[in-house]
């Protein structure tokens, strides 16, 4: 596959911004592609993780911010576990997501940002995810209130999710993490 990169000042600044935000040394990657071979979503996206890193190394511009992998990355850290250089791609993807939102880059197809936001809201509120609350926030965001409503009784009867949230014993720590993240936004 041919990688096309638009030359310009934005590429260098994008790479520098990602490095600053993530704290990851992108130059350590020597393109062994072990991250891509283990990635659970690379087969369903435009580019594998190794290509994202290579594009950043070569000075890709804002066109990288429209890549669907930055939104579909599930942060499983399989790439990190496989990387012989110990490069953690999750902070890189987080940085690219934050930059895409900041620069108002094209929003991906589907509701990945909405799901991400709803998930983080429940974790912030309860210290852990609350499935029913997550489902409610997502349904409100998509305005698809009755879609899949027939599955709710089955989910409850099989005890797949709890009706009431369980609170984390470390709620203060989780709140502090969210506060620090809010303070450091864009730094």
C-alpha atoms as a PDB file:
ATOM      1  CA  UNK A   1       0.000   0.000   0.000  1.00  0.00           C
ATOM      2  CA  UNK A   2       1.306   3.417  -0.932  1.00  0.00           C
ATOM      3  CA  UNK A   3       1.385   6.000   1.823  1.00  0.00           C
ATOM      4  CA  UNK A   4       0.739   9.535   0.634  1.00  0.00           C
ATOM      5  CA  UNK A   5       1.692  12.376   2.893  1.00  0.00           C
ATOM      6  CA  UNK A   6       0.995  16.011   2.218  1.00  0.00           C
ATOM      7  CA  UNK A   7       4.095  18.088   2.782  1.00  0.00           C
ATOM      8  CA  UNK A   8       3.702  21.168   4.869  1.00  0.00           C
ATOM      9  CA  UNK A   9       4.289  22.722   8.236  1.00  0.00           C
ATOM     10  CA  UNK A  10       1.419  20.872   9.899  1.00  0.00           C
ATOM     11  CA  UNK A  11       3.133  17.465   9.729  1.00  0.00           C
ATOM     12  CA  UNK A  12       6.040  18.403  11.926  1.00  0.00           C
ATOM     13  CA  UNK A  13       3.788  20.179  14.385  1.00  0.00           C
ATOM     14  CA  UNK A  14       1.359  17.225  14.474  1.00  0.00           C
ATOM     15  CA  UNK A  15       4.164  14.796  15.275  1.00  0.00           C
ATOM     16  CA  UNK A  16       5.604  17.149  17.899  1.00  0.00           C
ATOM     17  CA  UNK A  17       2.175  17.668  19.464  1.00  0.00           C
ATOM     18  CA  UNK A  18       1.523  13.916  19.609  1.00  0.00           C
ATOM     19  CA  UNK A  19       4.939  13.275  21.173  1.00  0.00           C
ATOM     20  CA  UNK A  20       4.394  16.048  23.712  1.00  0.00           C
ATOM     21  CA  UNK A  21       0.881  14.919  24.640  1.00  0.00           C
ATOM     22  CA  UNK A  22       1.614  11.182  24.731  1.00  0.00           C
ATOM     23  CA  UNK A  23       5.174  11.159  26.017  1.00  0.00           C
ATOM     24  CA  UNK A  24       5.990   8.419  23.495  1.00  0.00           C
ATOM     25  CA  UNK A  25       9.211   8.432  21.445  1.00  0.00           C
ATOM     26  CA  UNK A  26       7.924   7.631  17.966  1.00  0.00           C
ATOM     27  CA  UNK A  27      11.431   7.399  16.519  1.00  0.00           C
ATOM     28  CA  UNK A  28      12.024   4.148  18.459  1.00  0.00           C
ATOM     29  CA  UNK A  29       9.627   2.288  16.142  1.00  0.00           C
ATOM     30  CA  UNK A  30      11.478   0.306  13.472  1.00  0.00           C
ATOM     31  CA  UNK A  31       8.328  -0.966  11.739  1.00  0.00           C
ATOM     32  CA  UNK A  32       8.411  -4.642  12.709  1.00  0.00           C
ATOM     33  CA  UNK A  33       4.595  -4.535  12.499  1.00  0.00           C
ATOM     34  CA  UNK A  34       4.041  -6.800  15.492  1.00  0.00           C
ATOM     35  CA  UNK A  35       1.571  -4.190  16.782  1.00  0.00           C
ATOM     36  CA  UNK A  36      -0.492  -4.513  13.622  1.00  0.00           C
ATOM     37  CA  UNK A  37      -0.470  -8.313  13.615  1.00  0.00           C
ATOM     38  CA  UNK A  38      -1.949  -8.358  17.114  1.00  0.00           C
ATOM     39  CA  UNK A  39      -4.360  -5.437  16.767  1.00  0.00           C
ATOM     40  CA  UNK A  40      -7.961  -6.528  17.260  1.00  0.00           C
ATOM     41  CA  UNK A  41      -9.403  -3.785  15.043  1.00  0.00           C
ATOM     42  CA  UNK A  42      -6.766  -3.208  12.339  1.00  0.00           C
ATOM     43  CA  UNK A  43      -8.521  -5.607   9.974  1.00  0.00           C
ATOM     44  CA  UNK A  44     -11.617  -3.426  10.110  1.00  0.00           C
ATOM     45  CA  UNK A  45      -9.918  -0.040   9.684  1.00  0.00           C
ATOM     46  CA  UNK A  46      -8.255   2.005   6.967  1.00  0.00           C
ATOM     47  CA  UNK A  47      -4.748   1.606   8.390  1.00  0.00           C
ATOM     48  CA  UNK A  48      -2.978  -0.650  10.865  1.00  0.00           C
ATOM     49  CA  UNK A  49      -1.227   0.851  13.924  1.00  0.00           C
ATOM     50  CA  UNK A  50       2.240   0.520  12.354  1.00  0.00           C
ATOM     51  CA  UNK A  51       1.110   2.729   9.473  1.00  0.00           C
ATOM     52  CA  UNK A  52      -0.153   5.411  11.863  1.00  0.00           C
ATOM     53  CA  UNK A  53       3.259   5.488  13.529  1.00  0.00           C
ATOM     54  CA  UNK A  54       5.066   5.536  10.176  1.00  0.00           C
ATOM     55  CA  UNK A  55       2.916   8.387   8.917  1.00  0.00           C
ATOM     56  CA  UNK A  56       3.727  10.363  12.046  1.00  0.00           C
ATOM     57  CA  UNK A  57       7.432   9.583  11.618  1.00  0.00           C
ATOM     58  CA  UNK A  58       7.298  10.860   8.036  1.00  0.00           C
ATOM     59  CA  UNK A  59       5.525  14.067   9.043  1.00  0.00           C
ATOM     60  CA  UNK A  60       1.917  13.384   8.116  1.00  0.00           C
ATOM     61  CA  UNK A  61      -0.405  16.349   8.350  1.00  0.00           C
ATOM     62  CA  UNK A  62      -3.986  16.723   9.449  1.00  0.00           C
ATOM     63  CA  UNK A  63      -5.148  14.040   6.984  1.00  0.00           C
ATOM     64  CA  UNK A  64      -4.075  11.526   9.630  1.00  0.00           C
ATOM     65  CA  UNK A  65      -6.725  12.925  11.979  1.00  0.00           C
ATOM     66  CA  UNK A  66      -9.488  11.541   9.754  1.00  0.00           C
ATOM     67  CA  UNK A  67      -8.207   7.970   9.983  1.00  0.00           C
ATOM     68  CA  UNK A  68     -10.800   5.676  11.517  1.00  0.00           C
ATOM     69  CA  UNK A  69      -8.270   3.705  13.594  1.00  0.00           C
ATOM     70  CA  UNK A  70      -7.817   6.574  16.039  1.00  0.00           C
ATOM     71  CA  UNK A  71     -11.529   6.247  16.850  1.00  0.00           C
ATOM     72  CA  UNK A  72     -11.857   2.470  16.764  1.00  0.00           C
ATOM     73  CA  UNK A  73      -8.786   1.667  18.864  1.00  0.00           C
ATOM     74  CA  UNK A  74     -10.115  -0.166  21.931  1.00  0.00           C
ATOM     75  CA  UNK A  75      -7.021   0.554  24.061  1.00  0.00           C
ATOM     76  CA  UNK A  76      -6.475  -3.158  24.729  1.00  0.00           C
ATOM     77  CA  UNK A  77      -2.684  -2.602  24.737  1.00  0.00           C
ATOM     78  CA  UNK A  78      -2.006  -5.759  22.736  1.00  0.00           C
ATOM     79  CA  UNK A  79       0.235  -3.585  20.561  1.00  0.00           C
ATOM     80  CA  UNK A  80       2.222  -2.545  23.636  1.00  0.00           C
ATOM     81  CA  UNK A  81       2.563  -6.146  24.833  1.00  0.00           C
ATOM     82  CA  UNK A  82       3.881  -7.234  21.436  1.00  0.00           C
ATOM     83  CA  UNK A  83       6.194  -4.276  20.745  1.00  0.00           C
ATOM     84  CA  UNK A  84       9.872  -5.198  21.175  1.00  0.00           C
ATOM     85  CA  UNK A  85      10.663  -1.508  21.709  1.00  0.00           C
ATOM     86  CA  UNK A  86       7.984  -1.022  24.373  1.00  0.00           C
ATOM     87  CA  UNK A  87       6.069   1.624  22.424  1.00  0.00           C
ATOM     88  CA  UNK A  88       2.630   2.172  23.947  1.00  0.00           C
ATOM     89  CA  UNK A  89       0.269   3.213  21.142  1.00  0.00           C
ATOM     90  CA  UNK A  90      -2.716   3.886  23.402  1.00  0.00           C
ATOM     91  CA  UNK A  91      -1.462   7.338  24.499  1.00  0.00           C
ATOM     92  CA  UNK A  92      -0.634   8.097  20.855  1.00  0.00           C
ATOM     93  CA  UNK A  93      -4.207   7.245  19.807  1.00  0.00           C
ATOM     94  CA  UNK A  94      -5.569   9.256  22.751  1.00  0.00           C
ATOM     95  CA  UNK A  95      -3.467  12.243  21.670  1.00  0.00           C
ATOM     96  CA  UNK A  96      -4.604  11.929  18.050  1.00  0.00           C
ATOM     97  CA  UNK A  97      -8.248  11.774  19.209  1.00  0.00           C
ATOM     98  CA  UNK A  98      -7.804  14.872  21.360  1.00  0.00           C
ATOM     99  CA  UNK A  99      -6.125  16.757  18.499  1.00  0.00           C
ATOM    100  CA  UNK A 100      -8.862  15.666  16.058  1.00  0.00           C
ATOM    101  CA  UNK A 101     -11.515  17.017  18.424  1.00  0.00           C
ATOM    102  CA  UNK A 102      -9.550  20.220  19.057  1.00  0.00           C
ATOM    103  CA  UNK A 103      -8.997  20.877  15.334  1.00  0.00           C
ATOM    104  CA  UNK A 104     -12.570  19.839  14.480  1.00  0.00           C
ATOM    105  CA  UNK A 105     -11.357  17.159  12.065  1.00  0.00           C
ATOM    106  CA  UNK A 106     -13.900  14.986  10.326  1.00  0.00           C
ATOM    107  CA  UNK A 107     -15.947  12.986  12.801  1.00  0.00           C
ATOM    108  CA  UNK A 108     -15.860   9.257  12.058  1.00  0.00           C
ATOM    109  CA  UNK A 109     -18.869   7.413  10.744  1.00  0.00           C
ATOM    110  CA  UNK A 110     -21.002   5.952  13.471  1.00  0.00           C
ATOM    111  CA  UNK A 111     -21.246   6.901  17.105  1.00  0.00           C
ATOM    112  CA  UNK A 112     -17.798   6.070  18.467  1.00  0.00           C
ATOM    113  CA  UNK A 113     -17.213   9.552  19.979  1.00  0.00           C
ATOM    114  CA  UNK A 114     -20.678   9.454  21.575  1.00  0.00           C
ATOM    115  CA  UNK A 115     -20.018   6.018  23.056  1.00  0.00           C
ATOM    116  CA  UNK A 116     -16.592   7.154  24.299  1.00  0.00           C
ATOM    117  CA  UNK A 117     -18.111  10.209  25.960  1.00  0.00           C
ATOM    118  CA  UNK A 118     -20.948   8.218  27.570  1.00  0.00           C
ATOM    119  CA  UNK A 119     -18.497   5.613  28.848  1.00  0.00           C
ATOM    120  CA  UNK A 120     -16.237   8.243  30.426  1.00  0.00           C
ATOM    121  CA  UNK A 121     -19.227   9.969  32.058  1.00  0.00           C
ATOM    122  CA  UNK A 122     -20.255   6.761  33.824  1.00  0.00           C
ATOM    123  CA  UNK A 123     -16.700   6.061  34.964  1.00  0.00           C
ATOM    124  CA  UNK A 124     -16.415   9.629  36.263  1.00  0.00           C
ATOM    125  CA  UNK A 125     -19.707   9.342  38.148  1.00  0.00           C
ATOM    126  CA  UNK A 126     -19.323   5.882  39.685  1.00  0.00           C
ATOM    127  CA  UNK A 127     -15.589   5.173  39.560  1.00  0.00           C
ATOM    128  CA  UNK A 128     -16.250   2.305  37.158  1.00  0.00           C
ATOM    129  CA  UNK A 129     -18.505   1.693  34.217  1.00  0.00           C
ATOM    130  CA  UNK A 130     -22.231   1.385  34.836  1.00  0.00           C
ATOM    131  CA  UNK A 131     -23.667  -0.551  31.903  1.00  0.00           C
ATOM    132  CA  UNK A 132     -27.298   0.511  32.216  1.00  0.00           C
ATOM    133  CA  UNK A 133     -26.308   4.173  32.602  1.00  0.00           C
ATOM    134  CA  UNK A 134     -23.984   3.855  29.617  1.00  0.00           C
ATOM    135  CA  UNK A 135     -26.802   2.367  27.550  1.00  0.00           C
ATOM    136  CA  UNK A 136     -29.178   5.147  28.611  1.00  0.00           C
ATOM    137  CA  UNK A 137     -26.694   7.924  27.778  1.00  0.00           C
ATOM    138  CA  UNK A 138     -25.955   6.327  24.414  1.00  0.00           C
ATOM    139  CA  UNK A 139     -29.645   5.925  23.561  1.00  0.00           C
ATOM    140  CA  UNK A 140     -30.332   9.548  24.514  1.00  0.00           C
ATOM    141  CA  UNK A 141     -27.428  10.681  22.323  1.00  0.00           C
ATOM    142  CA  UNK A 142     -28.589   8.686  19.323  1.00  0.00           C
ATOM    143  CA  UNK A 143     -32.316   9.321  19.887  1.00  0.00           C
ATOM    144  CA  UNK A 144     -32.928   5.616  19.316  1.00  0.00           C
ATOM    145  CA  UNK A 145     -34.929   5.014  22.458  1.00  0.00           C
ATOM    146  CA  UNK A 146     -36.917   1.949  21.442  1.00  0.00           C
ATOM    147  CA  UNK A 147     -34.311   0.255  19.274  1.00  0.00           C
ATOM    148  CA  UNK A 148     -33.145  -2.964  20.990  1.00  0.00           C
ATOM    149  CA  UNK A 149     -35.609  -2.400  23.862  1.00  0.00           C
ATOM    150  CA  UNK A 150     -36.826  -5.969  23.436  1.00  0.00           C
ATOM    151  CA  UNK A 151     -33.391  -7.224  24.513  1.00  0.00           C
ATOM    152  CA  UNK A 152     -33.417  -5.494  27.922  1.00  0.00           C
ATOM    153  CA  UNK A 153     -35.570  -8.115  29.732  1.00  0.00           C
ATOM    154  CA  UNK A 154     -33.332 -10.900  28.412  1.00  0.00           C
ATOM    155  CA  UNK A 155     -30.192  -9.064  29.551  1.00  0.00           C
ATOM    156  CA  UNK A 156     -31.634  -8.596  33.050  1.00  0.00           C
ATOM    157  CA  UNK A 157     -32.972 -12.160  33.297  1.00  0.00           C
ATOM    158  CA  UNK A 158     -29.556 -13.586  32.431  1.00  0.00           C
ATOM    159  CA  UNK A 159     -27.946 -11.165  34.898  1.00  0.00           C
ATOM    160  CA  UNK A 160     -25.601  -9.811  32.232  1.00  0.00           C
ATOM    161  CA  UNK A 161     -25.805  -6.291  33.676  1.00  0.00           C
ATOM    162  CA  UNK A 162     -26.787  -4.908  37.043  1.00  0.00           C
ATOM    163  CA  UNK A 163     -29.867  -2.742  37.464  1.00  0.00           C
ATOM    164  CA  UNK A 164     -28.152  -0.519  40.048  1.00  0.00           C
ATOM    165  CA  UNK A 165     -24.605   0.812  39.740  1.00  0.00           C
ATOM    166  CA  UNK A 166     -21.797  -0.465  41.899  1.00  0.00           C
ATOM    167  CA  UNK A 167     -19.568   2.270  43.252  1.00  0.00           C
ATOM    168  CA  UNK A 168     -15.820   2.032  43.217  1.00  0.00           C
ATOM    169  CA  UNK A 169     -14.077   2.059  46.571  1.00  0.00           C
ATOM    170  CA  UNK A 170     -11.555   4.420  44.942  1.00  0.00           C
ATOM    171  CA  UNK A 171     -14.063   6.977  43.663  1.00  0.00           C
ATOM    172  CA  UNK A 172     -12.007   9.889  45.021  1.00  0.00           C
ATOM    173  CA  UNK A 173      -8.956   8.645  43.121  1.00  0.00           C
ATOM    174  CA  UNK A 174     -10.929   8.288  39.895  1.00  0.00           C
ATOM    175  CA  UNK A 175     -12.384  11.806  40.307  1.00  0.00           C
ATOM    176  CA  UNK A 176      -8.869  13.136  40.902  1.00  0.00           C
ATOM    177  CA  UNK A 177      -7.638  11.446  37.711  1.00  0.00           C
ATOM    178  CA  UNK A 178     -10.448  13.064  35.710  1.00  0.00           C
ATOM    179  CA  UNK A 179      -9.660  16.452  37.278  1.00  0.00           C
ATOM    180  CA  UNK A 180      -5.975  16.149  36.398  1.00  0.00           C
ATOM    181  CA  UNK A 181      -6.917  15.130  32.841  1.00  0.00           C
ATOM    182  CA  UNK A 182      -9.187  18.201  32.553  1.00  0.00           C
ATOM    183  CA  UNK A 183      -6.384  20.466  33.808  1.00  0.00           C
ATOM    184  CA  UNK A 184      -3.842  18.933  31.429  1.00  0.00           C
ATOM    185  CA  UNK A 185      -6.124  19.010  28.389  1.00  0.00           C
ATOM    186  CA  UNK A 186      -4.127  20.080  25.370  1.00  0.00           C
ATOM    187  CA  UNK A 187      -0.789  20.191  27.191  1.00  0.00           C
END
